[in-house]
Amino acid sequence: GLINTYKESGFFPEWASPGHRECMVGNNS
């Protein structure tokens, strides 16, 4: 599902609900 997220949005998620959300820091994907 993470691979699909990258294909569909251009980024791996860091906080998802249900799509990308503005929350917290880091690139922990």
PDB file of all heavy atoms in Angstrom:
ATOM      1  N   GLY A   1       0.810  -1.211   0.000  1.00  0.00           N
ATOM      2  CA  GLY A   1       0.000   0.000   0.000  1.00  0.00           C
ATOM      3  C   GLY A   1       0.842   1.260   0.000  1.00  0.00           C
ATOM      4  O   GLY A   1       0.465   2.277  -0.601  1.00  0.00           O
ATOM      5  N   LEU A   2       2.002   1.214   0.658  1.00  0.00           N
ATOM      6  CA  LEU A   2       2.903   2.376   0.664  1.00  0.00           C
ATOM      7  C   LEU A   2       3.465   2.634  -0.731  1.00  0.00           C
ATOM      8  O   LEU A   2       3.623   3.791  -1.142  1.00  0.00           O
ATOM      9  CB  LEU A   2       4.034   2.162   1.668  1.00  0.00           C
ATOM     10  CG  LEU A   2       3.624   2.129   3.136  1.00  0.00           C
ATOM     11  CD1 LEU A   2       4.823   1.838   4.029  1.00  0.00           C
ATOM     12  CD2 LEU A   2       2.975   3.451   3.552  1.00  0.00           C
ATOM     13  N   ILE A   3       3.775   1.564  -1.442  1.00  0.00           N
ATOM     14  CA  ILE A   3       4.231   1.729  -2.827  1.00  0.00           C
ATOM     15  C   ILE A   3       3.129   2.387  -3.657  1.00  0.00           C
ATOM     16  O   ILE A   3       3.391   3.291  -4.473  1.00  0.00           O
ATOM     17  CB  ILE A   3       4.633   0.367  -3.432  1.00  0.00           C
ATOM     18  CG1 ILE A   3       5.798  -0.252  -2.657  1.00  0.00           C
ATOM     19  CG2 ILE A   3       4.992   0.522  -4.910  1.00  0.00           C
ATOM     20  CD1 ILE A   3       7.066   0.561  -2.659  1.00  0.00           C
ATOM     21  N   ASN A   4       1.885   1.962  -3.451  1.00  0.00           N
ATOM     22  CA  ASN A   4       0.765   2.583  -4.168  1.00  0.00           C
ATOM     23  C   ASN A   4       0.623   4.049  -3.797  1.00  0.00           C
ATOM     24  O   ASN A   4       0.303   4.889  -4.657  1.00  0.00           O
ATOM     25  CB  ASN A   4      -0.527   1.827  -3.874  1.00  0.00           C
ATOM     26  CG  ASN A   4      -0.564   0.462  -4.545  1.00  0.00           C
ATOM     27  OD1 ASN A   4       0.034   0.268  -5.600  1.00  0.00           O
ATOM     28  ND2 ASN A   4      -1.261  -0.485  -3.935  1.00  0.00           N
ATOM     29  N   THR A   5       0.838   4.380  -2.533  1.00  0.00           N
ATOM     30  CA  THR A   5       0.760   5.779  -2.107  1.00  0.00           C
ATOM     31  C   THR A   5       1.767   6.626  -2.867  1.00  0.00           C
ATOM     32  O   THR A   5       1.454   7.732  -3.338  1.00  0.00           O
ATOM     33  CB  THR A   5       1.011   5.895  -0.595  1.00  0.00           C
ATOM     34  OG1 THR A   5      -0.030   5.212   0.102  1.00  0.00           O
ATOM     35  CG2 THR A   5       1.034   7.351  -0.150  1.00  0.00           C
ATOM     36  N   TYR A   6       2.998   6.119  -2.984  1.00  0.00           N
ATOM     37  CA  TYR A   6       4.022   6.876  -3.722  1.00  0.00           C
ATOM     38  C   TYR A   6       3.623   7.047  -5.189  1.00  0.00           C
ATOM     39  O   TYR A   6       3.752   8.139  -5.764  1.00  0.00           O
ATOM     40  CB  TYR A   6       5.374   6.175  -3.618  1.00  0.00           C
ATOM     41  CG  TYR A   6       6.447   6.858  -4.432  1.00  0.00           C
ATOM     42  CD1 TYR A   6       6.964   8.088  -4.033  1.00  0.00           C
ATOM     43  CD2 TYR A   6       6.909   6.294  -5.622  1.00  0.00           C
ATOM     44  CE1 TYR A   6       7.925   8.736  -4.790  1.00  0.00           C
ATOM     45  CE2 TYR A   6       7.870   6.932  -6.387  1.00  0.00           C
ATOM     46  CZ  TYR A   6       8.386   8.148  -5.971  1.00  0.00           C
ATOM     47  OH  TYR A   6       9.327   8.793  -6.730  1.00  0.00           O
ATOM     48  N   LYS A   7       3.108   5.989  -5.792  1.00  0.00           N
ATOM     49  CA  LYS A   7       2.715   6.074  -7.199  1.00  0.00           C
ATOM     50  C   LYS A   7       1.567   7.056  -7.407  1.00  0.00           C
ATOM     51  O   LYS A   7       1.484   7.708  -8.452  1.00  0.00           O
ATOM     52  CB  LYS A   7       2.312   4.688  -7.709  1.00  0.00           C
ATOM     53  CG  LYS A   7       3.466   3.699  -7.838  1.00  0.00           C
ATOM     54  CD  LYS A   7       2.973   2.322  -8.281  1.00  0.00           C
ATOM     55  CE  LYS A   7       4.114   1.343  -8.487  1.00  0.00           C
ATOM     56  NZ  LYS A   7       3.640  -0.016  -8.868  1.00  0.00           N
ATOM     57  N   GLU A   8       0.693   7.154  -6.434  1.00  0.00           N
ATOM     58  CA  GLU A   8      -0.515   7.976  -6.588  1.00  0.00           C
ATOM     59  C   GLU A   8      -0.340   9.416  -6.127  1.00  0.00           C
ATOM     60  O   GLU A   8      -1.149  10.280  -6.482  1.00  0.00           O
ATOM     61  CB  GLU A   8      -1.671   7.316  -5.820  1.00  0.00           C
ATOM     62  CG  GLU A   8      -2.089   5.982  -6.424  1.00  0.00           C
ATOM     63  CD  GLU A   8      -2.879   5.094  -5.482  1.00  0.00           C
ATOM     64  OE1 GLU A   8      -3.501   5.632  -4.543  1.00  0.00           O
ATOM     65  OE2 GLU A   8      -2.872   3.854  -5.670  1.00  0.00           O
ATOM     66  N   SER A   9       0.711   9.680  -5.332  1.00  0.00           N
ATOM     67  CA  SER A   9       0.863  11.044  -4.805  1.00  0.00           C
ATOM     68  C   SER A   9       2.249  11.627  -5.006  1.00  0.00           C
ATOM     69  O   SER A   9       2.446  12.825  -4.796  1.00  0.00           O
ATOM     70  CB  SER A   9       0.550  11.050  -3.309  1.00  0.00           C
ATOM     71  OG  SER A   9       1.606  10.456  -2.560  1.00  0.00           O
ATOM     72  N   GLY A  10       3.205  10.798  -5.364  1.00  0.00           N
ATOM     73  CA  GLY A  10       4.563  11.285  -5.537  1.00  0.00           C
ATOM     74  C   GLY A  10       5.387  11.274  -4.266  1.00  0.00           C
ATOM     75  O   GLY A  10       6.558  11.668  -4.296  1.00  0.00           O
ATOM     76  N   PHE A  11       4.799  10.842  -3.162  1.00  0.00           N
ATOM     77  CA  PHE A  11       5.506  10.793  -1.884  1.00  0.00           C
ATOM     78  C   PHE A  11       5.042   9.588  -1.081  1.00  0.00           C
ATOM     79  O   PHE A  11       3.872   9.182  -1.172  1.00  0.00           O
ATOM     80  CB  PHE A  11       5.234  12.050  -1.053  1.00  0.00           C
ATOM     81  CG  PHE A  11       5.946  13.283  -1.536  1.00  0.00           C
ATOM     82  CD1 PHE A  11       5.373  14.086  -2.522  1.00  0.00           C
ATOM     83  CD2 PHE A  11       7.176  13.643  -1.016  1.00  0.00           C
ATOM     84  CE1 PHE A  11       6.020  15.222  -2.974  1.00  0.00           C
ATOM     85  CE2 PHE A  11       7.834  14.780  -1.469  1.00  0.00           C
ATOM     86  CZ  PHE A  11       7.260  15.572  -2.448  1.00  0.00           C
ATOM     87  N   PHE A  12       5.941   9.043  -0.279  1.00  0.00           N
ATOM     88  CA  PHE A  12       5.509   8.131   0.764  1.00  0.00           C
ATOM     89  C   PHE A  12       4.845   8.955   1.862  1.00  0.00           C
ATOM     90  O   PHE A  12       5.218  10.109   2.091  1.00  0.00           O
ATOM     91  CB  PHE A  12       6.695   7.354   1.337  1.00  0.00           C
ATOM     92  CG  PHE A  12       7.250   6.320   0.407  1.00  0.00           C
ATOM     93  CD1 PHE A  12       8.581   6.343   0.027  1.00  0.00           C
ATOM     94  CD2 PHE A  12       6.435   5.315  -0.097  1.00  0.00           C
ATOM     95  CE1 PHE A  12       9.098   5.387  -0.838  1.00  0.00           C
ATOM     96  CE2 PHE A  12       6.937   4.347  -0.961  1.00  0.00           C
ATOM     97  CZ  PHE A  12       8.275   4.393  -1.336  1.00  0.00           C
ATOM     98  N   PRO A  13       3.889   8.385   2.560  1.00  0.00           N
ATOM     99  CA  PRO A  13       3.231   9.157   3.624  1.00  0.00           C
ATOM    100  C   PRO A  13       4.117   9.250   4.873  1.00  0.00           C
ATOM    101  O   PRO A  13       4.971   8.395   5.099  1.00  0.00           O
ATOM    102  CB  PRO A  13       1.975   8.333   3.913  1.00  0.00           C
ATOM    103  CG  PRO A  13       2.396   6.925   3.624  1.00  0.00           C
ATOM    104  CD  PRO A  13       3.349   7.012   2.463  1.00  0.00           C
ATOM    105  N   GLU A  14       3.892  10.268   5.657  1.00  0.00           N
ATOM    106  CA  GLU A  14       4.486  10.364   6.993  1.00  0.00           C
ATOM    107  C   GLU A  14       3.381  10.360   8.051  1.00  0.00           C
ATOM    108  O   GLU A  14       3.521   9.769   9.102  1.00  0.00           O
ATOM    109  CB  GLU A  14       5.351  11.627   7.113  1.00  0.00           C
ATOM    110  CG  GLU A  14       6.478  11.704   6.097  1.00  0.00           C
ATOM    111  CD  GLU A  14       7.490  10.567   6.185  1.00  0.00           C
ATOM    112  OE1 GLU A  14       7.597   9.949   7.262  1.00  0.00           O
ATOM    113  OE2 GLU A  14       8.154  10.278   5.165  1.00  0.00           O
ATOM    114  N   TRP A  15       2.296  11.051   7.753  1.00  0.00           N
ATOM    115  CA  TRP A  15       1.067  10.971   8.563  1.00  0.00           C
ATOM    116  C   TRP A  15      -0.093  10.893   7.574  1.00  0.00           C
ATOM    117  O   TRP A  15      -0.299  11.820   6.786  1.00  0.00           O
ATOM    118  CB  TRP A  15       0.900  12.199   9.463  1.00  0.00           C
ATOM    119  CG  TRP A  15       0.625  11.864  10.906  1.00  0.00           C
ATOM    120  CD1 TRP A  15       1.413  12.164  11.979  1.00  0.00           C
ATOM    121  CD2 TRP A  15      -0.532  11.182  11.438  1.00  0.00           C
ATOM    122  NE1 TRP A  15       0.843  11.693  13.150  1.00  0.00           N
ATOM    123  CE2 TRP A  15      -0.342  11.093  12.859  1.00  0.00           C
ATOM    124  CE3 TRP A  15      -1.675  10.615  10.883  1.00  0.00           C
ATOM    125  CZ2 TRP A  15      -1.273  10.474  13.701  1.00  0.00           C
ATOM    126  CZ3 TRP A  15      -2.604  10.000  11.715  1.00  0.00           C
ATOM    127  CH2 TRP A  15      -2.401   9.934  13.112  1.00  0.00           C
ATOM    128  N   ALA A  16      -0.813   9.792   7.595  1.00  0.00           N
ATOM    129  CA  ALA A  16      -1.907   9.595   6.641  1.00  0.00           C
ATOM    130  C   ALA A  16      -3.224   9.423   7.374  1.00  0.00           C
ATOM    131  O   ALA A  16      -3.316   8.637   8.314  1.00  0.00           O
ATOM    132  CB  ALA A  16      -1.647   8.374   5.777  1.00  0.00           C
ATOM    133  N   SER A  17      -4.261  10.177   6.944  1.00  0.00           N
ATOM    134  CA  SER A  17      -5.610  10.001   7.497  1.00  0.00           C
ATOM    135  C   SER A  17      -6.619  10.785   6.654  1.00  0.00           C
ATOM    136  O   SER A  17      -6.928  11.925   6.977  1.00  0.00           O
ATOM    137  CB  SER A  17      -5.679  10.469   8.947  1.00  0.00           C
ATOM    138  OG  SER A  17      -6.974  10.249   9.472  1.00  0.00           O
ATOM    139  N   PRO A  18      -7.226  10.190   5.625  1.00  0.00           N
ATOM    140  CA  PRO A  18      -6.737   8.992   4.961  1.00  0.00           C
ATOM    141  C   PRO A  18      -5.589   9.283   4.005  1.00  0.00           C
ATOM    142  O   PRO A  18      -4.786   8.421   3.695  1.00  0.00           O
ATOM    143  CB  PRO A  18      -7.964   8.481   4.218  1.00  0.00           C
ATOM    144  CG  PRO A  18      -8.734   9.717   3.892  1.00  0.00           C
ATOM    145  CD  PRO A  18      -8.514  10.654   5.051  1.00  0.00           C
ATOM    146  N   GLY A  19      -5.508  10.559   3.508  1.00  0.00           N
ATOM    147  CA  GLY A  19      -4.382  10.966   2.674  1.00  0.00           C
ATOM    148  C   GLY A  19      -3.341  11.699   3.502  1.00  0.00           C
ATOM    149  O   GLY A  19      -3.340  11.645   4.732  1.00  0.00           O
ATOM    150  N   HIS A  20      -2.422  12.410   2.837  1.00  0.00           N
ATOM    151  CA  HIS A  20      -1.354  13.126   3.534  1.00  0.00           C
ATOM    152  C   HIS A  20      -1.947  14.175   4.482  1.00  0.00           C
ATOM    153  O   HIS A  20      -2.839  14.944   4.111  1.00  0.00           O
ATOM    154  CB  HIS A  20      -0.453  13.844   2.526  1.00  0.00           C
ATOM    155  CG  HIS A  20       0.310  12.921   1.623  1.00  0.00           C
ATOM    156  ND1 HIS A  20       1.180  11.961   2.090  1.00  0.00           N
ATOM    157  CD2 HIS A  20       0.343  12.819   0.259  1.00  0.00           C
ATOM    158  CE1 HIS A  20       1.718  11.310   1.072  1.00  0.00           C
ATOM    159  NE2 HIS A  20       1.220  11.802  -0.051  1.00  0.00           N
ATOM    160  N   ARG A  21      -1.408  14.223   5.693  1.00  0.00           N
ATOM    161  CA  ARG A  21      -1.846  15.200   6.683  1.00  0.00           C
ATOM    162  C   ARG A  21      -0.654  15.988   7.207  1.00  0.00           C
ATOM    163  O   ARG A  21       0.453  15.460   7.351  1.00  0.00           O
ATOM    164  CB  ARG A  21      -2.560  14.503   7.848  1.00  0.00           C
ATOM    165  CG  ARG A  21      -3.832  13.778   7.444  1.00  0.00           C
ATOM    166  CD  ARG A  21      -4.926  14.717   6.958  1.00  0.00           C
ATOM    167  NE  ARG A  21      -5.400  15.579   8.010  1.00  0.00           N
ATOM    168  CZ  ARG A  21      -6.371  15.256   8.888  1.00  0.00           C
ATOM    169  NH1 ARG A  21      -6.951  14.049   8.805  1.00  0.00           N
ATOM    170  NH2 ARG A  21      -6.765  16.090   9.810  1.00  0.00           N
ATOM    171  N   GLU A  22      -0.894  17.224   7.540  1.00  0.00           N
ATOM    172  CA  GLU A  22       0.146  18.110   8.074  1.00  0.00           C
ATOM    173  C   GLU A  22       0.285  17.845   9.564  1.00  0.00           C
ATOM    174  O   GLU A  22      -0.478  18.362  10.377  1.00  0.00           O
ATOM    175  CB  GLU A  22      -0.237  19.570   7.824  1.00  0.00           C
ATOM    176  CG  GLU A  22       0.805  20.589   8.245  1.00  0.00           C
ATOM    177  CD  GLU A  22       2.031  20.565   7.349  1.00  0.00           C
ATOM    178  OE1 GLU A  22       1.943  21.003   6.195  1.00  0.00           O
ATOM    179  OE2 GLU A  22       3.073  20.092   7.833  1.00  0.00           O
ATOM    180  N   CYS A  23       1.256  17.012   9.938  1.00  0.00           N
ATOM    181  CA  CYS A  23       1.407  16.638  11.349  1.00  0.00           C
ATOM    182  C   CYS A  23       2.786  16.038  11.595  1.00  0.00           C
ATOM    183  O   CYS A  23       3.228  15.178  10.837  1.00  0.00           O
ATOM    184  CB  CYS A  23       0.320  15.631  11.750  1.00  0.00           C
ATOM    185  SG  CYS A  23       0.237  15.305  13.514  1.00  0.00           S
ATOM    186  N   MET A  24       3.462  16.502  12.621  1.00  0.00           N
ATOM    187  CA  MET A  24       4.734  15.969  13.114  1.00  0.00           C
ATOM    188  C   MET A  24       5.879  16.206  12.113  1.00  0.00           C
ATOM    189  O   MET A  24       5.730  16.932  11.146  1.00  0.00           O
ATOM    190  CB  MET A  24       4.606  14.500  13.483  1.00  0.00           C
ATOM    191  CG  MET A  24       3.431  14.188  14.409  1.00  0.00           C
ATOM    192  SD  MET A  24       3.226  15.308  15.828  1.00  0.00           S
ATOM    193  CE  MET A  24       4.597  14.813  16.861  1.00  0.00           C
ATOM    194  N   VAL A  25       7.048  15.596  12.414  1.00  0.00           N
ATOM    195  CA  VAL A  25       8.260  15.853  11.638  1.00  0.00           C
ATOM    196  C   VAL A  25       8.903  14.526  11.254  1.00  0.00           C
ATOM    197  O   VAL A  25       8.454  13.457  11.633  1.00  0.00           O
ATOM    198  CB  VAL A  25       9.269  16.701  12.442  1.00  0.00           C
ATOM    199  CG1 VAL A  25       8.638  18.013  12.900  1.00  0.00           C
ATOM    200  CG2 VAL A  25       9.817  15.918  13.653  1.00  0.00           C
ATOM    201  N   GLY A  26      10.012  14.623  10.509  1.00  0.00           N
ATOM    202  CA  GLY A  26      10.773  13.435  10.159  1.00  0.00           C
ATOM    203  C   GLY A  26      10.396  12.874   8.805  1.00  0.00           C
ATOM    204  O   GLY A  26       9.409  13.281   8.184  1.00  0.00           O
ATOM    205  N   ASN A  27      11.206  11.944   8.358  1.00  0.00           N
ATOM    206  CA  ASN A  27      11.026  11.268   7.077  1.00  0.00           C
ATOM    207  C   ASN A  27      11.035   9.767   7.348  1.00  0.00           C
ATOM    208  O   ASN A  27      11.719   8.989   6.712  1.00  0.00           O
ATOM    209  CB  ASN A  27      12.166  11.691   6.141  1.00  0.00           C
ATOM    210  CG  ASN A  27      12.108  11.078   4.765  1.00  0.00           C
ATOM    211  OD1 ASN A  27      13.137  10.807   4.178  1.00  0.00           O
ATOM    212  ND2 ASN A  27      10.913  10.839   4.229  1.00  0.00           N
ATOM    213  N   ASN A  28      10.226   9.381   8.363  1.00  0.00           N
ATOM    214  CA  ASN A  28      10.353   8.046   8.940  1.00  0.00           C
ATOM    215  C   ASN A  28       9.707   6.943   8.113  1.00  0.00           C
ATOM    216  O   ASN A  28       9.762   5.773   8.507  1.00  0.00           O
ATOM    217  CB  ASN A  28       9.798   8.053  10.363  1.00  0.00           C
ATOM    218  CG  ASN A  28      10.604   8.996  11.248  1.00  0.00           C
ATOM    219  OD1 ASN A  28      11.820   8.893  11.310  1.00  0.00           O
ATOM    220  ND2 ASN A  28       9.936   9.932  11.895  1.00  0.00           N
ATOM    221  N   SER A  29       9.126   7.296   6.974  1.00  0.00           N
ATOM    222  CA  SER A  29       8.722   6.254   6.029  1.00  0.00           C
ATOM    223  C   SER A  29       9.942   5.434   5.630  1.00  0.00           C
ATOM    224  O   SER A  29       9.819   4.238   5.319  1.00  0.00           O
ATOM    225  CB  SER A  29       8.068   6.874   4.794  1.00  0.00           C
ATOM    226  OG  SER A  29       8.923   7.847   4.202  1.00  0.00           O
TER     227      SER A  29
END
